PDB file of all heavy atoms in Angstrom:
ATOM      1  N   THR A   1     -19.863 -11.277   3.522  1.00  0.00           N
ATOM      2  CA  THR A   1     -19.477 -12.680   3.655  1.00  0.00           C
ATOM      3  C   THR A   1     -19.519 -13.293   2.265  1.00  0.00           C
ATOM      4  O   THR A   1     -20.557 -13.263   1.597  1.00  0.00           O
ATOM      5  CB  THR A   1     -20.416 -13.446   4.595  1.00  0.00           C
ATOM      6  OG1 THR A   1     -20.372 -12.838   5.887  1.00  0.00           O
ATOM      7  CG2 THR A   1     -19.968 -14.900   4.720  1.00  0.00           C
ATOM      8  N   TYR A   2     -18.373 -13.824   1.830  1.00  0.00           N
ATOM      9  CA  TYR A   2     -18.277 -14.376   0.489  1.00  0.00           C
ATOM     10  C   TYR A   2     -17.692 -15.771   0.590  1.00  0.00           C
ATOM     11  O   TYR A   2     -16.517 -15.937   0.879  1.00  0.00           O
ATOM     12  CB  TYR A   2     -17.411 -13.474  -0.386  1.00  0.00           C
ATOM     13  CG  TYR A   2     -17.354 -13.881  -1.833  1.00  0.00           C
ATOM     14  CD1 TYR A   2     -18.511 -13.948  -2.607  1.00  0.00           C
ATOM     15  CD2 TYR A   2     -16.137 -14.181  -2.437  1.00  0.00           C
ATOM     16  CE1 TYR A   2     -18.455 -14.305  -3.940  1.00  0.00           C
ATOM     17  CE2 TYR A   2     -16.075 -14.541  -3.769  1.00  0.00           C
ATOM     18  CZ  TYR A   2     -17.236 -14.603  -4.516  1.00  0.00           C
ATOM     19  OH  TYR A   2     -17.180 -14.965  -5.838  1.00  0.00           O
ATOM     20  N   PHE A   3     -18.540 -16.786   0.374  1.00  0.00           N
ATOM     21  CA  PHE A   3     -18.189 -18.173   0.658  1.00  0.00           C
ATOM     22  C   PHE A   3     -17.728 -18.249   2.122  1.00  0.00           C
ATOM     23  O   PHE A   3     -18.477 -17.907   3.016  1.00  0.00           O
ATOM     24  CB  PHE A   3     -17.139 -18.683  -0.336  1.00  0.00           C
ATOM     25  CG  PHE A   3     -17.675 -18.794  -1.735  1.00  0.00           C
ATOM     26  CD1 PHE A   3     -17.335 -17.860  -2.703  1.00  0.00           C
ATOM     27  CD2 PHE A   3     -18.537 -19.809  -2.086  1.00  0.00           C
ATOM     28  CE1 PHE A   3     -17.838 -17.959  -3.996  1.00  0.00           C
ATOM     29  CE2 PHE A   3     -19.049 -19.926  -3.378  1.00  0.00           C
ATOM     30  CZ  PHE A   3     -18.700 -18.990  -4.326  1.00  0.00           C
ATOM     31  N   SER A   4     -16.498 -18.645   2.392  1.00  0.00           N
ATOM     32  CA  SER A   4     -16.037 -18.731   3.785  1.00  0.00           C
ATOM     33  C   SER A   4     -15.193 -17.527   4.172  1.00  0.00           C
ATOM     34  O   SER A   4     -14.529 -17.535   5.225  1.00  0.00           O
ATOM     35  CB  SER A   4     -15.226 -20.018   3.987  1.00  0.00           C
ATOM     36  OG  SER A   4     -14.104 -20.040   3.118  1.00  0.00           O
ATOM     37  N   ASN A   5     -15.213 -16.487   3.361  1.00  0.00           N
ATOM     38  CA  ASN A   5     -14.379 -15.308   3.607  1.00  0.00           C
ATOM     39  C   ASN A   5     -15.168 -14.177   4.250  1.00  0.00           C
ATOM     40  O   ASN A   5     -16.302 -13.902   3.856  1.00  0.00           O
ATOM     41  CB  ASN A   5     -13.766 -14.804   2.293  1.00  0.00           C
ATOM     42  CG  ASN A   5     -12.880 -15.835   1.639  1.00  0.00           C
ATOM     43  OD1 ASN A   5     -11.865 -16.248   2.193  1.00  0.00           O
ATOM     44  ND2 ASN A   5     -13.260 -16.273   0.447  1.00  0.00           N
ATOM     45  N   ASN A   6     -14.550 -13.540   5.233  1.00  0.00           N
ATOM     46  CA  ASN A   6     -15.102 -12.331   5.839  1.00  0.00           C
ATOM     47  C   ASN A   6     -14.370 -11.125   5.262  1.00  0.00           C
ATOM     48  O   ASN A   6     -13.137 -11.036   5.343  1.00  0.00           O
ATOM     49  CB  ASN A   6     -14.932 -12.371   7.360  1.00  0.00           C
ATOM     50  CG  ASN A   6     -15.730 -13.492   7.990  1.00  0.00           C
ATOM     51  OD1 ASN A   6     -16.889 -13.715   7.643  1.00  0.00           O
ATOM     52  ND2 ASN A   6     -15.130 -14.211   8.928  1.00  0.00           N
ATOM     53  N   VAL A   7     -15.127 -10.222   4.683  1.00  0.00           N
ATOM     54  CA  VAL A   7     -14.528  -9.089   3.984  1.00  0.00           C
ATOM     55  C   VAL A   7     -15.056  -7.783   4.568  1.00  0.00           C
ATOM     56  O   VAL A   7     -16.268  -7.562   4.631  1.00  0.00           O
ATOM     57  CB  VAL A   7     -14.828  -9.146   2.473  1.00  0.00           C
ATOM     58  CG1 VAL A   7     -14.102  -8.026   1.741  1.00  0.00           C
ATOM     59  CG2 VAL A   7     -14.437 -10.511   1.903  1.00  0.00           C
ATOM     60  N   GLU A   8     -14.136  -6.931   5.008  1.00  0.00           N
ATOM     61  CA  GLU A   8     -14.474  -5.612   5.524  1.00  0.00           C
ATOM     62  C   GLU A   8     -14.211  -4.588   4.424  1.00  0.00           C
ATOM     63  O   GLU A   8     -13.094  -4.504   3.905  1.00  0.00           O
ATOM     64  CB  GLU A   8     -13.630  -5.283   6.755  1.00  0.00           C
ATOM     65  CG  GLU A   8     -13.805  -6.277   7.897  1.00  0.00           C
ATOM     66  CD  GLU A   8     -12.782  -6.060   9.001  1.00  0.00           C
ATOM     67  OE1 GLU A   8     -11.825  -5.298   8.793  1.00  0.00           O
ATOM     68  OE2 GLU A   8     -12.951  -6.660  10.077  1.00  0.00           O
ATOM     69  N   VAL A   9     -15.240  -3.837   4.060  1.00  0.00           N
ATOM     70  CA  VAL A   9     -15.134  -2.906   2.937  1.00  0.00           C
ATOM     71  C   VAL A   9     -15.440  -1.492   3.418  1.00  0.00           C
ATOM     72  O   VAL A   9     -16.457  -1.256   4.066  1.00  0.00           O
ATOM     73  CB  VAL A   9     -16.107  -3.310   1.804  1.00  0.00           C
ATOM     74  CG1 VAL A   9     -16.011  -2.335   0.642  1.00  0.00           C
ATOM     75  CG2 VAL A   9     -15.810  -4.732   1.328  1.00  0.00           C
ATOM     76  N   TRP A  10     -14.535  -0.559   3.073  1.00  0.00           N
ATOM     77  CA  TRP A  10     -14.703   0.833   3.483  1.00  0.00           C
ATOM     78  C   TRP A  10     -15.191   1.645   2.287  1.00  0.00           C
ATOM     79  O   TRP A  10     -14.538   1.701   1.244  1.00  0.00           O
ATOM     80  CB  TRP A  10     -13.388   1.393   4.018  1.00  0.00           C
ATOM     81  CG  TRP A  10     -12.939   0.660   5.246  1.00  0.00           C
ATOM     82  CD1 TRP A  10     -12.141  -0.434   5.307  1.00  0.00           C
ATOM     83  CD2 TRP A  10     -13.315   0.953   6.591  1.00  0.00           C
ATOM     84  NE1 TRP A  10     -11.983  -0.840   6.610  1.00  0.00           N
ATOM     85  CE2 TRP A  10     -12.680  -0.010   7.427  1.00  0.00           C
ATOM     86  CE3 TRP A  10     -14.104   1.934   7.189  1.00  0.00           C
ATOM     87  CZ2 TRP A  10     -12.831  -0.013   8.808  1.00  0.00           C
ATOM     88  CZ3 TRP A  10     -14.249   1.941   8.563  1.00  0.00           C
ATOM     89  CH2 TRP A  10     -13.614   0.976   9.353  1.00  0.00           C
ATOM     90  N   VAL A  11     -16.348   2.282   2.465  1.00  0.00           N
ATOM     91  CA  VAL A  11     -17.059   2.928   1.361  1.00  0.00           C
ATOM     92  C   VAL A  11     -17.354   4.381   1.701  1.00  0.00           C
ATOM     93  O   VAL A  11     -17.780   4.696   2.816  1.00  0.00           O
ATOM     94  CB  VAL A  11     -18.397   2.196   1.079  1.00  0.00           C
ATOM     95  CG1 VAL A  11     -19.132   2.856  -0.076  1.00  0.00           C
ATOM     96  CG2 VAL A  11     -18.153   0.717   0.789  1.00  0.00           C
ATOM     97  N   THR A  12     -17.133   5.253   0.723  1.00  0.00           N
ATOM     98  CA  THR A  12     -17.564   6.636   0.874  1.00  0.00           C
ATOM     99  C   THR A  12     -18.730   6.907  -0.066  1.00  0.00           C
ATOM    100  O   THR A  12     -18.738   6.454  -1.206  1.00  0.00           O
ATOM    101  CB  THR A  12     -16.430   7.639   0.588  1.00  0.00           C
ATOM    102  OG1 THR A  12     -16.936   8.971   0.759  1.00  0.00           O
ATOM    103  CG2 THR A  12     -15.897   7.503  -0.828  1.00  0.00           C
ATOM    104  N   THR A  13     -19.729   7.608   0.439  1.00  0.00           N
ATOM    105  CA  THR A  13     -20.856   8.036  -0.386  1.00  0.00           C
ATOM    106  C   THR A  13     -20.851   9.553  -0.555  1.00  0.00           C
ATOM    107  O   THR A  13     -21.809  10.131  -1.068  1.00  0.00           O
ATOM    108  CB  THR A  13     -22.193   7.586   0.239  1.00  0.00           C
ATOM    109  OG1 THR A  13     -22.278   8.090   1.572  1.00  0.00           O
ATOM    110  CG2 THR A  13     -22.294   6.068   0.251  1.00  0.00           C
ATOM    111  N   THR A  14     -19.767  10.198  -0.123  1.00  0.00           N
ATOM    112  CA  THR A  14     -19.653  11.657  -0.227  1.00  0.00           C
ATOM    113  C   THR A  14     -18.999  12.078  -1.540  1.00  0.00           C
ATOM    114  O   THR A  14     -18.961  13.261  -1.855  1.00  0.00           O
ATOM    115  CB  THR A  14     -18.839  12.221   0.948  1.00  0.00           C
ATOM    116  OG1 THR A  14     -17.509  11.671   0.918  1.00  0.00           O
ATOM    117  CG2 THR A  14     -19.485  11.876   2.279  1.00  0.00           C
ATOM    118  N   SER A  15     -18.484  11.120  -2.294  1.00  0.00           N
ATOM    119  CA  SER A  15     -17.856  11.426  -3.576  1.00  0.00           C
ATOM    120  C   SER A  15     -18.879  11.308  -4.697  1.00  0.00           C
ATOM    121  O   SER A  15     -19.725  10.415  -4.678  1.00  0.00           O
ATOM    122  CB  SER A  15     -16.700  10.453  -3.830  1.00  0.00           C
ATOM    123  OG  SER A  15     -16.284  10.516  -5.180  1.00  0.00           O
ATOM    124  N   PRO A  16     -18.808  12.184  -5.715  1.00  0.00           N
ATOM    125  CA  PRO A  16     -19.701  12.039  -6.872  1.00  0.00           C
ATOM    126  C   PRO A  16     -19.291  10.888  -7.780  1.00  0.00           C
ATOM    127  O   PRO A  16     -20.015  10.537  -8.704  1.00  0.00           O
ATOM    128  CB  PRO A  16     -19.561  13.379  -7.595  1.00  0.00           C
ATOM    129  CG  PRO A  16     -18.191  13.849  -7.239  1.00  0.00           C
ATOM    130  CD  PRO A  16     -17.967  13.397  -5.826  1.00  0.00           C
ATOM    131  N   PHE A  17     -18.136  10.301  -7.502  1.00  0.00           N
ATOM    132  CA  PHE A  17     -17.633   9.207  -8.320  1.00  0.00           C
ATOM    133  C   PHE A  17     -17.892   7.873  -7.637  1.00  0.00           C
ATOM    134  O   PHE A  17     -17.808   7.756  -6.426  1.00  0.00           O
ATOM    135  CB  PHE A  17     -16.138   9.392  -8.571  1.00  0.00           C
ATOM    136  CG  PHE A  17     -15.806  10.740  -9.136  1.00  0.00           C
ATOM    137  CD1 PHE A  17     -15.377  11.766  -8.314  1.00  0.00           C
ATOM    138  CD2 PHE A  17     -15.968  10.986 -10.478  1.00  0.00           C
ATOM    139  CE1 PHE A  17     -15.102  13.016  -8.824  1.00  0.00           C
ATOM    140  CE2 PHE A  17     -15.692  12.230 -11.011  1.00  0.00           C
ATOM    141  CZ  PHE A  17     -15.259  13.262 -10.189  1.00  0.00           C
ATOM    142  N   LYS A  18     -18.207   6.871  -8.443  1.00  0.00           N
ATOM    143  CA  LYS A  18     -18.503   5.546  -7.922  1.00  0.00           C
ATOM    144  C   LYS A  18     -17.517   4.542  -8.500  1.00  0.00           C
ATOM    145  O   LYS A  18     -17.031   4.706  -9.619  1.00  0.00           O
ATOM    146  CB  LYS A  18     -19.932   5.132  -8.287  1.00  0.00           C
ATOM    147  CG  LYS A  18     -21.001   6.085  -7.802  1.00  0.00           C
ATOM    148  CD  LYS A  18     -22.366   5.721  -8.368  1.00  0.00           C
ATOM    149  CE  LYS A  18     -23.415   6.757  -8.003  1.00  0.00           C
ATOM    150  NZ  LYS A  18     -24.731   6.455  -8.618  1.00  0.00           N
ATOM    151  N   GLY A  19     -17.230   3.506  -7.726  1.00  0.00           N
ATOM    152  CA  GLY A  19     -16.326   2.496  -8.237  1.00  0.00           C
ATOM    153  C   GLY A  19     -15.867   1.559  -7.144  1.00  0.00           C
ATOM    154  O   GLY A  19     -16.146   1.770  -5.955  1.00  0.00           O
ATOM    155  N   SER A  20     -15.151   0.511  -7.562  1.00  0.00           N
ATOM    156  CA  SER A  20     -14.603  -0.458  -6.629  1.00  0.00           C
ATOM    157  C   SER A  20     -13.431  -1.157  -7.300  1.00  0.00           C
ATOM    158  O   SER A  20     -13.497  -1.453  -8.500  1.00  0.00           O
ATOM    159  CB  SER A  20     -15.665  -1.483  -6.223  1.00  0.00           C
ATOM    160  OG  SER A  20     -15.075  -2.516  -5.440  1.00  0.00           O
ATOM    161  N   PRO A  21     -12.362  -1.452  -6.553  1.00  0.00           N
ATOM    162  CA  PRO A  21     -11.260  -2.226  -7.128  1.00  0.00           C
ATOM    163  C   PRO A  21     -11.605  -3.700  -7.251  1.00  0.00           C
ATOM    164  O   PRO A  21     -10.838  -4.481  -7.801  1.00  0.00           O
ATOM    165  CB  PRO A  21     -10.127  -2.007  -6.116  1.00  0.00           C
ATOM    166  CG  PRO A  21     -10.833  -1.812  -4.818  1.00  0.00           C
ATOM    167  CD  PRO A  21     -12.088  -1.054  -5.163  1.00  0.00           C
ATOM    168  N   SER A  22     -12.768  -4.080  -6.745  1.00  0.00           N
ATOM    169  CA  SER A  22     -13.235  -5.461  -6.818  1.00  0.00           C
ATOM    170  C   SER A  22     -14.564  -5.519  -7.560  1.00  0.00           C
ATOM    171  O   SER A  22     -15.452  -4.701  -7.322  1.00  0.00           O
ATOM    172  CB  SER A  22     -13.417  -6.043  -5.411  1.00  0.00           C
ATOM    173  OG  SER A  22     -14.140  -7.255  -5.447  1.00  0.00           O
ATOM    174  N   SER A  23     -14.709  -6.493  -8.446  1.00  0.00           N
ATOM    175  CA  SER A  23     -15.973  -6.658  -9.159  1.00  0.00           C
ATOM    176  C   SER A  23     -16.989  -7.433  -8.330  1.00  0.00           C
ATOM    177  O   SER A  23     -18.147  -7.573  -8.731  1.00  0.00           O
ATOM    178  CB  SER A  23     -15.733  -7.397 -10.480  1.00  0.00           C
ATOM    179  OG  SER A  23     -15.183  -8.683 -10.238  1.00  0.00           O
ATOM    180  N   THR A  24     -16.575  -7.922  -7.174  1.00  0.00           N
ATOM    181  CA  THR A  24     -17.455  -8.701  -6.295  1.00  0.00           C
ATOM    182  C   THR A  24     -18.077  -7.843  -5.206  1.00  0.00           C
ATOM    183  O   THR A  24     -19.253  -7.990  -4.882  1.00  0.00           O
ATOM    184  CB  THR A  24     -16.672  -9.861  -5.643  1.00  0.00           C
ATOM    185  OG1 THR A  24     -16.101 -10.672  -6.665  1.00  0.00           O
ATOM    186  CG2 THR A  24     -17.578 -10.710  -4.769  1.00  0.00           C
ATOM    187  N   PHE A  25     -17.293  -6.923  -4.655  1.00  0.00           N
ATOM    188  CA  PHE A  25     -17.757  -6.094  -3.537  1.00  0.00           C
ATOM    189  C   PHE A  25     -18.073  -4.695  -4.060  1.00  0.00           C
ATOM    190  O   PHE A  25     -17.224  -3.808  -4.099  1.00  0.00           O
ATOM    191  CB  PHE A  25     -16.715  -6.076  -2.426  1.00  0.00           C
ATOM    192  CG  PHE A  25     -16.243  -7.460  -2.062  1.00  0.00           C
ATOM    193  CD1 PHE A  25     -14.929  -7.845  -2.274  1.00  0.00           C
ATOM    194  CD2 PHE A  25     -17.130  -8.393  -1.547  1.00  0.00           C
ATOM    195  CE1 PHE A  25     -14.502  -9.131  -1.959  1.00  0.00           C
ATOM    196  CE2 PHE A  25     -16.711  -9.679  -1.236  1.00  0.00           C
ATOM    197  CZ  PHE A  25     -15.397 -10.046  -1.451  1.00  0.00           C
ATOM    198  N   VAL A  26     -19.322  -4.546  -4.478  1.00  0.00           N
ATOM    199  CA  VAL A  26     -19.785  -3.315  -5.107  1.00  0.00           C
ATOM    200  C   VAL A  26     -20.930  -2.737  -4.290  1.00  0.00           C
ATOM    201  O   VAL A  26     -21.857  -3.452  -3.917  1.00  0.00           O
ATOM    202  CB  VAL A  26     -20.249  -3.586  -6.554  1.00  0.00           C
ATOM    203  CG1 VAL A  26     -20.835  -2.327  -7.177  1.00  0.00           C
ATOM    204  CG2 VAL A  26     -19.096  -4.128  -7.404  1.00  0.00           C
ATOM    205  N   VAL A  27     -20.866  -1.437  -4.017  1.00  0.00           N
ATOM    206  CA  VAL A  27     -21.942  -0.733  -3.323  1.00  0.00           C
ATOM    207  C   VAL A  27     -22.571   0.234  -4.331  1.00  0.00           C
ATOM    208  O   VAL A  27     -21.871   1.094  -4.878  1.00  0.00           O
ATOM    209  CB  VAL A  27     -21.401   0.019  -2.091  1.00  0.00           C
ATOM    210  CG1 VAL A  27     -22.513   0.842  -1.434  1.00  0.00           C
ATOM    211  CG2 VAL A  27     -20.804  -0.965  -1.097  1.00  0.00           C
TER     212      VAL A  27
END
């Protein structure tokens, strides 16, 4: 939840690489 926005984020933890196309939604 970001301000009034609902954001669904799909994340994999099976990859040795980390990253996100968004600087706000980071795992």
